[in-house]
N, C-alpha and C. Protein backbone atom coordinates (compact mmCIF):
# COMPACT_ATOMS: atom_id res chain seq x y z
N UNK A 1 111.25 91.81 93.34
CA UNK A 1 110.56 91.22 94.50
C UNK A 1 110.09 89.83 94.13
N UNK A 2 110.30 88.86 94.99
CA UNK A 2 109.88 87.50 94.72
C UNK A 2 108.37 87.39 94.79
N UNK A 3 107.81 86.31 94.21
CA UNK A 3 106.36 86.10 94.25
C UNK A 3 105.87 85.99 95.68
N UNK A 4 106.64 85.29 96.51
CA UNK A 4 106.23 85.13 97.91
C UNK A 4 106.17 86.48 98.61
N UNK A 5 107.15 87.33 98.35
CA UNK A 5 107.18 88.66 98.97
C UNK A 5 106.00 89.49 98.53
N UNK A 6 105.64 89.38 97.24
CA UNK A 6 104.50 90.13 96.73
C UNK A 6 103.22 89.69 97.42
N UNK A 7 103.05 88.39 97.59
CA UNK A 7 101.84 87.88 98.22
C UNK A 7 101.74 88.35 99.66
N UNK A 8 102.88 88.37 100.36
CA UNK A 8 102.88 88.86 101.74
C UNK A 8 102.50 90.33 101.79
N UNK A 9 103.06 91.12 100.85
CA UNK A 9 102.75 92.55 100.80
C UNK A 9 101.27 92.78 100.55
N UNK A 10 100.68 92.03 99.60
CA UNK A 10 99.26 92.19 99.31
C UNK A 10 98.41 91.80 100.49
N UNK A 11 98.84 90.79 101.23
CA UNK A 11 98.04 90.31 102.35
C UNK A 11 97.97 91.31 103.49
N UNK A 12 99.07 92.05 103.72
CA UNK A 12 99.10 92.96 104.87
C UNK A 12 98.73 94.38 104.50
N UNK A 13 98.61 94.68 103.20
CA UNK A 13 98.37 96.06 102.78
C UNK A 13 97.13 96.68 103.41
N UNK A 14 95.95 95.99 103.38
CA UNK A 14 94.76 96.62 103.97
C UNK A 14 94.94 96.92 105.44
N UNK A 15 95.66 96.08 106.17
CA UNK A 15 95.88 96.32 107.59
C UNK A 15 96.77 97.53 107.79
N UNK A 16 97.80 97.64 106.94
CA UNK A 16 98.69 98.78 107.04
C UNK A 16 97.96 100.08 106.79
N UNK A 17 96.95 100.04 105.92
CA UNK A 17 96.20 101.25 105.62
C UNK A 17 95.17 101.57 106.69
N UNK A 18 95.04 100.70 107.72
CA UNK A 18 94.19 101.04 108.84
C UNK A 18 92.79 100.46 108.81
N UNK A 19 92.44 99.71 107.75
CA UNK A 19 91.09 99.19 107.68
C UNK A 19 90.95 97.87 108.42
N UNK A 20 92.02 97.07 108.45
CA UNK A 20 92.04 95.78 109.15
C UNK A 20 90.81 94.94 108.87
N UNK A 21 90.55 94.62 107.57
CA UNK A 21 89.42 93.76 107.25
C UNK A 21 89.66 92.34 107.74
N UNK A 22 88.65 91.50 107.63
CA UNK A 22 88.75 90.15 108.17
C UNK A 22 89.78 89.31 107.45
N UNK A 23 90.10 89.65 106.20
CA UNK A 23 91.12 88.91 105.47
C UNK A 23 91.70 89.79 104.39
N UNK A 24 92.74 89.33 103.72
CA UNK A 24 93.35 90.12 102.66
C UNK A 24 92.45 90.12 101.45
N UNK A 25 92.75 91.03 100.48
CA UNK A 25 91.93 91.05 99.28
C UNK A 25 92.27 89.87 98.38
N UNK A 26 93.30 89.10 98.73
CA UNK A 26 93.63 87.92 97.96
C UNK A 26 92.80 86.72 98.43
N UNK A 27 92.65 86.59 99.73
CA UNK A 27 92.02 85.39 100.28
C UNK A 27 90.78 85.71 101.12
N UNK A 28 90.15 86.89 100.90
CA UNK A 28 89.00 87.27 101.70
C UNK A 28 87.84 86.30 101.46
N UNK A 29 87.09 86.01 102.51
CA UNK A 29 85.94 85.12 102.44
C UNK A 29 84.70 85.89 102.90
N UNK A 30 84.00 86.56 101.95
CA UNK A 30 82.81 87.34 102.31
C UNK A 30 81.81 86.49 103.07
N UNK A 31 81.07 87.12 103.98
CA UNK A 31 80.17 86.39 104.87
C UNK A 31 78.92 85.90 104.16
N UNK A 32 78.55 86.48 103.02
CA UNK A 32 77.32 86.09 102.35
C UNK A 32 77.44 86.30 100.86
N UNK A 33 76.46 85.78 100.12
CA UNK A 33 76.45 85.95 98.67
C UNK A 33 76.36 87.42 98.29
N UNK A 34 75.51 88.19 99.01
CA UNK A 34 75.38 89.61 98.72
C UNK A 34 76.70 90.35 98.96
N UNK A 35 77.40 89.96 100.02
CA UNK A 35 78.69 90.57 100.30
C UNK A 35 79.69 90.24 99.19
N UNK A 36 79.67 88.99 98.75
CA UNK A 36 80.57 88.56 97.67
C UNK A 36 80.27 89.33 96.39
N UNK A 37 78.98 89.53 96.11
CA UNK A 37 78.58 90.27 94.91
C UNK A 37 79.05 91.72 94.98
N UNK A 38 78.96 92.33 96.18
CA UNK A 38 79.44 93.69 96.34
C UNK A 38 80.94 93.77 96.10
N UNK A 39 81.69 92.85 96.68
CA UNK A 39 83.14 92.84 96.50
C UNK A 39 83.51 92.69 95.02
N UNK A 40 82.82 91.80 94.33
CA UNK A 40 83.10 91.60 92.91
C UNK A 40 82.78 92.84 92.09
N UNK A 41 81.63 93.45 92.37
CA UNK A 41 81.23 94.66 91.64
C UNK A 41 82.18 95.81 91.90
N UNK A 42 82.61 95.97 93.16
CA UNK A 42 83.51 97.06 93.49
C UNK A 42 84.88 96.86 92.83
N UNK A 43 85.35 95.63 92.82
CA UNK A 43 86.62 95.34 92.15
C UNK A 43 86.53 95.65 90.65
N UNK A 44 85.40 95.30 90.03
CA UNK A 44 85.22 95.58 88.60
C UNK A 44 85.25 97.08 88.34
N UNK A 45 84.56 97.85 89.16
CA UNK A 45 84.51 99.30 88.96
C UNK A 45 85.89 99.93 89.08
N UNK A 46 86.63 99.57 90.11
CA UNK A 46 87.94 100.18 90.32
C UNK A 46 89.00 99.62 89.39
N UNK A 47 88.80 98.37 88.93
CA UNK A 47 89.68 97.84 87.88
C UNK A 47 89.48 98.64 86.60
N UNK A 48 88.21 98.90 86.26
CA UNK A 48 87.92 99.74 85.09
C UNK A 48 88.57 101.12 85.25
N UNK A 49 88.55 101.65 86.46
CA UNK A 49 89.14 102.97 86.73
C UNK A 49 90.61 103.00 86.31
N UNK A 50 91.38 102.00 86.72
CA UNK A 50 92.81 102.02 86.40
C UNK A 50 93.08 101.54 84.98
N UNK A 51 92.26 100.61 84.47
CA UNK A 51 92.45 100.16 83.09
C UNK A 51 92.25 101.31 82.10
N UNK A 52 91.12 102.04 82.27
CA UNK A 52 90.84 103.11 81.33
C UNK A 52 91.73 104.33 81.54
N UNK A 53 92.21 104.52 82.77
CA UNK A 53 93.20 105.57 83.00
C UNK A 53 94.47 105.25 82.22
N UNK A 54 94.89 104.00 82.27
CA UNK A 54 96.09 103.60 81.52
C UNK A 54 95.87 103.80 80.01
N UNK A 55 94.71 103.38 79.52
CA UNK A 55 94.44 103.57 78.10
C UNK A 55 94.50 105.04 77.72
N UNK A 56 93.93 105.89 78.61
CA UNK A 56 93.97 107.33 78.34
C UNK A 56 95.41 107.84 78.28
N UNK A 57 96.22 107.45 79.25
CA UNK A 57 97.61 107.92 79.30
C UNK A 57 98.35 107.53 78.03
N UNK A 58 98.18 106.28 77.60
CA UNK A 58 98.87 105.81 76.39
C UNK A 58 98.37 106.56 75.16
N UNK A 59 97.06 106.73 75.05
CA UNK A 59 96.49 107.44 73.90
C UNK A 59 96.93 108.90 73.88
N UNK A 60 96.87 109.56 75.03
CA UNK A 60 97.24 110.97 75.09
C UNK A 60 98.72 111.16 74.78
N UNK A 61 99.54 110.27 75.29
CA UNK A 61 100.99 110.37 75.04
C UNK A 61 101.29 110.24 73.55
N UNK A 62 100.53 109.38 72.87
CA UNK A 62 100.76 109.14 71.44
C UNK A 62 99.99 110.10 70.55
N UNK A 63 99.09 110.90 71.14
CA UNK A 63 98.25 111.76 70.33
C UNK A 63 97.31 110.96 69.44
N UNK A 64 96.84 109.83 69.97
CA UNK A 64 96.03 108.91 69.18
C UNK A 64 94.63 109.46 68.91
N UNK A 65 94.06 109.03 67.78
CA UNK A 65 92.72 109.47 67.41
C UNK A 65 91.67 108.94 68.39
N UNK A 66 92.00 107.89 69.12
CA UNK A 66 91.06 107.28 70.06
C UNK A 66 90.99 107.99 71.42
N UNK A 67 91.81 109.03 71.60
CA UNK A 67 91.89 109.69 72.91
C UNK A 67 90.54 110.20 73.39
N UNK A 68 89.77 110.82 72.51
CA UNK A 68 88.48 111.38 72.91
C UNK A 68 87.52 110.28 73.36
N UNK A 69 87.46 109.19 72.62
CA UNK A 69 86.58 108.08 72.99
C UNK A 69 87.03 107.43 74.30
N UNK A 70 88.33 107.30 74.47
CA UNK A 70 88.87 106.73 75.70
C UNK A 70 88.53 107.62 76.89
N UNK A 71 88.65 108.93 76.70
CA UNK A 71 88.32 109.88 77.77
C UNK A 71 86.86 109.75 78.18
N UNK A 72 85.98 109.64 77.19
CA UNK A 72 84.55 109.52 77.48
C UNK A 72 84.27 108.25 78.27
N UNK A 73 84.93 107.15 77.90
CA UNK A 73 84.71 105.89 78.62
C UNK A 73 85.25 105.98 80.04
N UNK A 74 86.38 106.63 80.21
CA UNK A 74 86.96 106.81 81.54
C UNK A 74 86.05 107.65 82.43
N UNK A 75 85.49 108.72 81.88
CA UNK A 75 84.59 109.56 82.67
C UNK A 75 83.30 108.81 83.01
N UNK A 76 82.84 107.94 82.13
CA UNK A 76 81.65 107.14 82.44
C UNK A 76 81.89 106.26 83.66
N UNK A 77 83.11 105.77 83.81
CA UNK A 77 83.44 104.94 84.97
C UNK A 77 83.21 105.69 86.28
N UNK A 78 83.44 107.00 86.27
CA UNK A 78 83.22 107.78 87.49
C UNK A 78 81.73 107.87 87.80
N UNK A 79 80.91 107.94 86.75
CA UNK A 79 79.45 107.87 86.94
C UNK A 79 79.06 106.53 87.54
N UNK A 80 79.68 105.47 87.03
CA UNK A 80 79.35 104.12 87.49
C UNK A 80 79.71 103.94 88.97
N UNK A 81 80.84 104.47 89.38
CA UNK A 81 81.24 104.34 90.78
C UNK A 81 80.29 105.12 91.68
N UNK A 82 79.94 106.32 91.26
CA UNK A 82 78.99 107.12 92.04
C UNK A 82 77.64 106.42 92.16
N UNK A 83 77.18 105.84 91.06
CA UNK A 83 75.89 105.13 91.08
C UNK A 83 75.93 103.92 91.99
N UNK A 84 77.09 103.31 92.13
CA UNK A 84 77.20 102.09 92.93
C UNK A 84 76.98 102.33 94.42
N UNK A 85 77.23 103.56 94.89
CA UNK A 85 77.03 103.82 96.32
C UNK A 85 75.64 104.39 96.63
N UNK A 86 74.87 104.70 95.60
CA UNK A 86 73.55 105.30 95.82
C UNK A 86 72.60 104.41 96.63
N UNK A 87 72.62 103.09 96.44
CA UNK A 87 71.72 102.25 97.26
C UNK A 87 72.01 102.33 98.76
N UNK A 88 73.19 102.78 99.13
CA UNK A 88 73.58 102.85 100.54
C UNK A 88 73.55 104.28 101.08
N UNK A 89 73.91 105.26 100.25
CA UNK A 89 74.07 106.63 100.74
C UNK A 89 73.15 107.65 100.08
N UNK A 90 72.38 107.23 99.09
CA UNK A 90 71.44 108.13 98.45
C UNK A 90 71.98 108.75 97.17
N UNK A 91 71.06 109.34 96.41
CA UNK A 91 71.42 109.91 95.11
C UNK A 91 72.37 111.09 95.22
N UNK A 92 72.14 111.95 96.19
CA UNK A 92 72.99 113.14 96.33
C UNK A 92 74.43 112.75 96.62
N UNK A 93 74.61 111.77 97.50
CA UNK A 93 75.96 111.32 97.84
C UNK A 93 76.63 110.67 96.63
N UNK A 94 75.87 109.87 95.89
CA UNK A 94 76.44 109.25 94.70
C UNK A 94 76.87 110.27 93.67
N UNK A 95 76.04 111.29 93.48
CA UNK A 95 76.37 112.36 92.53
C UNK A 95 77.60 113.14 93.00
N UNK A 96 77.71 113.34 94.31
CA UNK A 96 78.86 114.05 94.86
C UNK A 96 80.14 113.27 94.60
N UNK A 97 80.11 111.97 94.84
CA UNK A 97 81.30 111.16 94.61
C UNK A 97 81.67 111.17 93.13
N UNK A 98 80.68 111.07 92.26
CA UNK A 98 80.94 111.14 90.82
C UNK A 98 81.64 112.45 90.47
N UNK A 99 81.13 113.56 91.00
CA UNK A 99 81.73 114.87 90.70
C UNK A 99 83.18 114.94 91.16
N UNK A 100 83.45 114.42 92.35
CA UNK A 100 84.82 114.43 92.87
C UNK A 100 85.74 113.56 92.03
N UNK A 101 85.24 112.40 91.60
CA UNK A 101 86.06 111.50 90.80
C UNK A 101 86.27 112.03 89.39
N UNK A 102 85.28 112.72 88.85
CA UNK A 102 85.47 113.34 87.53
C UNK A 102 86.55 114.44 87.62
N UNK A 103 86.58 115.17 88.73
CA UNK A 103 87.65 116.15 88.94
C UNK A 103 89.00 115.45 88.98
N UNK A 104 89.04 114.31 89.67
CA UNK A 104 90.26 113.51 89.76
C UNK A 104 90.79 113.18 88.36
N UNK A 105 89.90 112.77 87.47
CA UNK A 105 90.29 112.39 86.11
C UNK A 105 90.69 113.62 85.29
N UNK A 106 89.92 114.68 85.38
CA UNK A 106 90.21 115.87 84.58
C UNK A 106 91.52 116.52 85.00
N UNK A 107 91.82 116.50 86.30
CA UNK A 107 93.10 117.03 86.76
C UNK A 107 94.24 116.14 86.27
N UNK A 108 94.02 114.83 86.28
CA UNK A 108 95.03 113.91 85.76
C UNK A 108 95.32 114.22 84.30
N UNK A 109 94.27 114.52 83.53
CA UNK A 109 94.45 114.87 82.12
C UNK A 109 95.28 116.15 81.99
N UNK A 110 95.02 117.13 82.86
CA UNK A 110 95.82 118.36 82.85
C UNK A 110 97.28 118.04 83.13
N UNK A 111 97.52 117.15 84.07
CA UNK A 111 98.89 116.79 84.45
C UNK A 111 99.61 116.12 83.28
N UNK A 112 98.94 115.18 82.62
CA UNK A 112 99.55 114.49 81.49
C UNK A 112 99.85 115.47 80.35
N UNK A 113 98.90 116.37 80.08
CA UNK A 113 99.10 117.37 79.01
C UNK A 113 100.28 118.27 79.31
N UNK A 114 100.36 118.72 80.57
CA UNK A 114 101.47 119.59 80.97
C UNK A 114 102.80 118.86 80.92
N UNK A 115 102.82 117.61 81.36
CA UNK A 115 104.06 116.83 81.35
C UNK A 115 104.52 116.57 79.91
N UNK A 116 103.57 116.28 79.04
CA UNK A 116 103.91 116.05 77.64
C UNK A 116 104.51 117.30 77.01
N UNK A 117 104.02 118.47 77.42
CA UNK A 117 104.52 119.73 76.88
C UNK A 117 105.79 120.20 77.58
N UNK A 118 106.18 119.52 78.65
CA UNK A 118 107.37 119.92 79.40
C UNK A 118 107.18 121.18 80.21
N UNK A 119 105.93 121.48 80.57
CA UNK A 119 105.62 122.68 81.35
C UNK A 119 105.60 122.32 82.83
N UNK A 120 106.74 122.47 83.49
CA UNK A 120 106.88 122.05 84.88
C UNK A 120 105.99 122.84 85.83
N UNK A 121 105.76 124.11 85.53
CA UNK A 121 104.91 124.93 86.39
C UNK A 121 103.47 124.39 86.39
N UNK A 122 102.98 124.04 85.21
CA UNK A 122 101.62 123.51 85.12
C UNK A 122 101.53 122.10 85.71
N UNK A 123 102.62 121.34 85.59
CA UNK A 123 102.66 120.02 86.22
C UNK A 123 102.53 120.15 87.73
N UNK A 124 103.28 121.09 88.30
CA UNK A 124 103.25 121.31 89.75
C UNK A 124 101.86 121.77 90.20
N UNK A 125 101.25 122.66 89.41
CA UNK A 125 99.91 123.15 89.75
C UNK A 125 98.89 122.02 89.70
N UNK A 126 98.97 121.19 88.66
CA UNK A 126 98.03 120.08 88.54
C UNK A 126 98.22 119.08 89.68
N UNK A 127 99.47 118.82 90.02
CA UNK A 127 99.75 117.87 91.10
C UNK A 127 99.19 118.39 92.43
N UNK A 128 99.32 119.69 92.66
CA UNK A 128 98.78 120.29 93.89
C UNK A 128 97.26 120.14 93.93
N UNK A 129 96.60 120.43 92.81
CA UNK A 129 95.15 120.30 92.74
C UNK A 129 94.71 118.85 92.86
N UNK A 130 95.52 117.95 92.32
CA UNK A 130 95.21 116.52 92.38
C UNK A 130 95.19 116.01 93.82
N UNK A 131 96.18 116.43 94.60
CA UNK A 131 96.23 116.01 96.00
C UNK A 131 95.13 116.69 96.83
N UNK A 132 94.80 117.92 96.49
CA UNK A 132 93.70 118.59 97.19
C UNK A 132 92.38 117.86 96.91
N UNK A 133 92.21 117.43 95.68
CA UNK A 133 91.02 116.67 95.32
C UNK A 133 90.98 115.33 96.07
N UNK A 134 92.13 114.68 96.21
CA UNK A 134 92.20 113.42 96.96
C UNK A 134 91.78 113.64 98.41
N UNK A 135 92.19 114.76 98.97
CA UNK A 135 91.79 115.09 100.33
C UNK A 135 90.27 115.29 100.42
N UNK A 136 89.70 115.93 99.39
CA UNK A 136 88.24 116.13 99.36
C UNK A 136 87.51 114.79 99.27
N UNK A 137 88.04 113.87 98.46
CA UNK A 137 87.42 112.54 98.34
C UNK A 137 87.48 111.82 99.68
N UNK A 138 88.65 111.87 100.34
CA UNK A 138 88.81 111.20 101.63
C UNK A 138 87.89 111.82 102.68
N UNK A 139 87.75 113.14 102.67
CA UNK A 139 86.86 113.82 103.62
C UNK A 139 85.42 113.39 103.40
N UNK A 140 85.00 113.34 102.15
CA UNK A 140 83.63 112.94 101.83
C UNK A 140 83.36 111.50 102.25
N UNK A 141 84.23 110.59 101.88
CA UNK A 141 84.00 109.17 102.18
C UNK A 141 84.06 108.88 103.68
N UNK A 142 85.02 109.48 104.37
CA UNK A 142 85.13 109.23 105.81
C UNK A 142 83.93 109.81 106.55
N UNK A 143 83.35 110.87 106.01
CA UNK A 143 82.16 111.44 106.62
C UNK A 143 80.92 110.59 106.41
N UNK A 144 80.96 109.76 105.36
CA UNK A 144 79.82 108.90 105.06
C UNK A 144 79.86 107.58 105.83
N UNK A 145 81.08 107.11 106.14
CA UNK A 145 81.20 105.78 106.75
C UNK A 145 82.32 105.80 107.79
N UNK A 146 82.00 105.53 109.05
CA UNK A 146 83.02 105.55 110.11
C UNK A 146 84.05 104.44 109.96
N UNK A 147 83.76 103.45 109.12
CA UNK A 147 84.71 102.37 108.88
C UNK A 147 85.75 102.73 107.82
N UNK A 148 85.65 103.96 107.29
CA UNK A 148 86.63 104.46 106.33
C UNK A 148 87.37 105.65 106.95
N UNK A 149 88.34 105.42 107.82
CA UNK A 149 89.05 106.53 108.46
C UNK A 149 89.77 107.41 107.44
N UNK A 150 89.69 108.70 107.64
CA UNK A 150 90.23 109.64 106.66
C UNK A 150 91.72 109.43 106.43
N UNK A 151 92.47 109.23 107.50
CA UNK A 151 93.91 109.05 107.34
C UNK A 151 94.26 107.87 106.46
N UNK A 152 93.53 106.77 106.63
CA UNK A 152 93.77 105.58 105.82
C UNK A 152 93.40 105.83 104.37
N UNK A 153 92.30 106.53 104.15
CA UNK A 153 91.88 106.86 102.79
C UNK A 153 92.90 107.75 102.09
N UNK A 154 93.39 108.75 102.79
CA UNK A 154 94.39 109.64 102.21
C UNK A 154 95.64 108.86 101.84
N UNK A 155 96.06 107.93 102.72
CA UNK A 155 97.24 107.12 102.43
C UNK A 155 97.04 106.32 101.14
N UNK A 156 95.87 105.72 101.00
CA UNK A 156 95.60 104.92 99.80
C UNK A 156 95.51 105.80 98.55
N UNK A 157 94.83 106.92 98.66
CA UNK A 157 94.69 107.80 97.51
C UNK A 157 96.03 108.42 97.11
N UNK A 158 96.84 108.80 98.09
CA UNK A 158 98.16 109.35 97.78
C UNK A 158 99.03 108.31 97.08
N UNK A 159 98.92 107.05 97.51
CA UNK A 159 99.68 106.00 96.85
C UNK A 159 99.19 105.81 95.42
N UNK A 160 97.88 105.86 95.25
CA UNK A 160 97.30 105.76 93.90
C UNK A 160 97.83 106.87 93.00
N UNK A 161 97.88 108.09 93.51
CA UNK A 161 98.39 109.21 92.72
C UNK A 161 99.86 109.03 92.39
N UNK A 162 100.65 108.62 93.37
CA UNK A 162 102.09 108.45 93.16
C UNK A 162 102.36 107.37 92.10
N UNK A 163 101.65 106.27 92.19
CA UNK A 163 101.85 105.19 91.23
C UNK A 163 101.38 105.60 89.83
N UNK A 164 100.27 106.34 89.76
CA UNK A 164 99.77 106.79 88.46
C UNK A 164 100.71 107.81 87.84
N UNK A 165 101.29 108.67 88.67
CA UNK A 165 102.29 109.63 88.18
C UNK A 165 103.49 108.88 87.60
N UNK A 166 103.94 107.84 88.30
CA UNK A 166 105.06 107.04 87.80
C UNK A 166 104.70 106.37 86.48
N UNK A 167 103.48 105.86 86.40
CA UNK A 167 103.03 105.23 85.15
C UNK A 167 103.01 106.24 84.01
N UNK A 168 102.45 107.42 84.26
CA UNK A 168 102.36 108.44 83.21
C UNK A 168 103.74 108.92 82.78
N UNK A 169 104.61 109.17 83.75
CA UNK A 169 105.95 109.65 83.44
C UNK A 169 106.71 108.64 82.60
N UNK A 170 106.64 107.37 82.99
CA UNK A 170 107.33 106.32 82.24
C UNK A 170 106.77 106.18 80.83
N UNK A 171 105.47 106.29 80.71
CA UNK A 171 104.83 106.17 79.40
C UNK A 171 105.25 107.32 78.49
N UNK A 172 105.23 108.53 79.01
CA UNK A 172 105.62 109.69 78.21
C UNK A 172 107.07 109.62 77.75
N UNK A 173 107.91 108.98 78.55
CA UNK A 173 109.32 108.82 78.20
C UNK A 173 109.58 107.59 77.33
N UNK A 174 108.53 106.80 77.09
CA UNK A 174 108.70 105.59 76.31
C UNK A 174 109.42 104.49 77.05
N UNK A 175 109.41 104.57 78.38
CA UNK A 175 110.05 103.56 79.22
C UNK A 175 109.01 102.48 79.55
N UNK A 176 108.76 101.60 78.58
CA UNK A 176 107.60 100.73 78.65
C UNK A 176 107.69 99.67 79.74
N UNK A 177 108.86 99.16 80.03
CA UNK A 177 108.98 98.18 81.11
C UNK A 177 108.62 98.82 82.45
N UNK A 178 109.07 100.06 82.66
CA UNK A 178 108.73 100.77 83.89
C UNK A 178 107.24 101.11 83.94
N UNK A 179 106.68 101.47 82.80
CA UNK A 179 105.25 101.79 82.72
C UNK A 179 104.41 100.56 83.08
N UNK A 180 104.79 99.42 82.53
CA UNK A 180 104.06 98.18 82.82
C UNK A 180 104.21 97.79 84.28
N UNK A 181 105.41 97.92 84.80
CA UNK A 181 105.64 97.60 86.22
C UNK A 181 104.81 98.49 87.12
N UNK A 182 104.72 99.77 86.77
CA UNK A 182 103.92 100.71 87.57
C UNK A 182 102.46 100.30 87.54
N UNK A 183 101.98 99.89 86.36
CA UNK A 183 100.58 99.48 86.29
C UNK A 183 100.30 98.22 87.10
N UNK A 184 101.23 97.28 87.11
CA UNK A 184 101.06 96.09 87.95
C UNK A 184 100.85 96.50 89.41
N UNK A 185 101.64 97.46 89.87
CA UNK A 185 101.50 97.95 91.24
C UNK A 185 100.17 98.67 91.44
N UNK A 186 99.78 99.47 90.45
CA UNK A 186 98.51 100.20 90.51
C UNK A 186 97.34 99.22 90.63
N UNK A 187 97.36 98.18 89.82
CA UNK A 187 96.26 97.22 89.80
C UNK A 187 96.15 96.49 91.14
N UNK A 188 97.27 96.03 91.67
CA UNK A 188 97.24 95.36 92.97
C UNK A 188 96.75 96.30 94.07
N UNK A 189 97.19 97.54 94.03
CA UNK A 189 96.81 98.51 95.05
C UNK A 189 95.33 98.84 94.98
N UNK A 190 94.79 98.95 93.77
CA UNK A 190 93.38 99.34 93.64
C UNK A 190 92.46 98.20 94.07
N UNK A 191 92.90 96.95 93.93
CA UNK A 191 92.09 95.84 94.43
C UNK A 191 91.98 95.89 95.96
N UNK A 192 93.07 96.24 96.62
CA UNK A 192 93.03 96.39 98.07
C UNK A 192 92.12 97.52 98.49
N UNK A 193 92.15 98.62 97.74
CA UNK A 193 91.28 99.75 98.04
C UNK A 193 89.82 99.38 97.81
N UNK A 194 89.52 98.70 96.72
CA UNK A 194 88.15 98.28 96.44
C UNK A 194 87.61 97.38 97.54
N UNK A 195 88.43 96.44 98.00
CA UNK A 195 87.99 95.54 99.07
C UNK A 195 87.79 96.28 100.39
N UNK A 196 88.65 97.25 100.66
CA UNK A 196 88.49 98.04 101.89
C UNK A 196 87.18 98.82 101.86
N UNK A 197 86.84 99.38 100.70
CA UNK A 197 85.58 100.11 100.58
C UNK A 197 84.39 99.17 100.74
N UNK A 198 84.45 98.00 100.12
CA UNK A 198 83.37 97.03 100.26
C UNK A 198 83.22 96.57 101.70
N UNK A 199 84.35 96.29 102.35
CA UNK A 199 84.31 95.86 103.75
C UNK A 199 83.63 96.91 104.62
N UNK A 200 83.92 98.19 104.35
CA UNK A 200 83.32 99.26 105.13
C UNK A 200 81.82 99.32 104.97
N UNK A 201 81.34 99.12 103.74
CA UNK A 201 79.89 99.13 103.49
C UNK A 201 79.22 97.97 104.21
N UNK A 202 79.81 96.79 104.12
CA UNK A 202 79.23 95.61 104.77
C UNK A 202 79.15 95.82 106.29
N UNK A 203 80.19 96.42 106.87
CA UNK A 203 80.20 96.67 108.31
C UNK A 203 79.16 97.71 108.70
N UNK A 204 78.97 98.71 107.86
CA UNK A 204 78.03 99.78 108.19
C UNK A 204 76.58 99.37 108.00
N UNK A 205 76.34 98.47 107.03
CA UNK A 205 74.96 98.05 106.73
C UNK A 205 74.85 96.53 106.80
N UNK A 206 75.11 95.94 107.95
CA UNK A 206 75.11 94.46 108.07
C UNK A 206 73.78 93.82 107.71
N UNK A 207 72.66 94.52 107.93
CA UNK A 207 71.36 93.93 107.63
C UNK A 207 71.11 93.76 106.13
N UNK A 208 71.88 94.48 105.32
CA UNK A 208 71.75 94.37 103.87
C UNK A 208 72.52 93.18 103.32
N UNK A 209 73.32 92.54 104.21
CA UNK A 209 74.17 91.47 103.74
C UNK A 209 73.99 90.18 104.54
């Protein structure tokens, strides 16, 4: 894909997912400093999510001694994301999101372990649970904010799972060019998701921004 085509794809992605923010996540112009700070913080959190997921996949595939430490850092990111929504939705909601996201990570770990062992039955079971968890996350978030339609959230989360599966599969096979390409797609996609979530918060709580 050419650079121009990639930029066009990134620009229209949030609209395709149904959020239709005021601008793309590439050229968005937040209305205020507080809005800009939220967008930056949300991008950092979700960037950490995919960065540490990648580190975990690589470590687990190699059986590296750092796997346990990487896992702990990845799980901390889910705490951080949950804490980030507490100022808007309360402590219980933040803890709920953290719990759902920790399930997301732990199921991913099950999937990688099963794939590494060549256990297709366990891979299928983990994948089924992974998508069910994505549905739970979408249900929770859409219930908290009317600017986050469930169908759009499911589309984004399903794409995130599909891209992460491709990344993990390529990594386990030692297909490093494909693994890197998958991560490039994952990173671009998660920035769009982070901006869509930030846009929804700003729309729901305009007086805070």
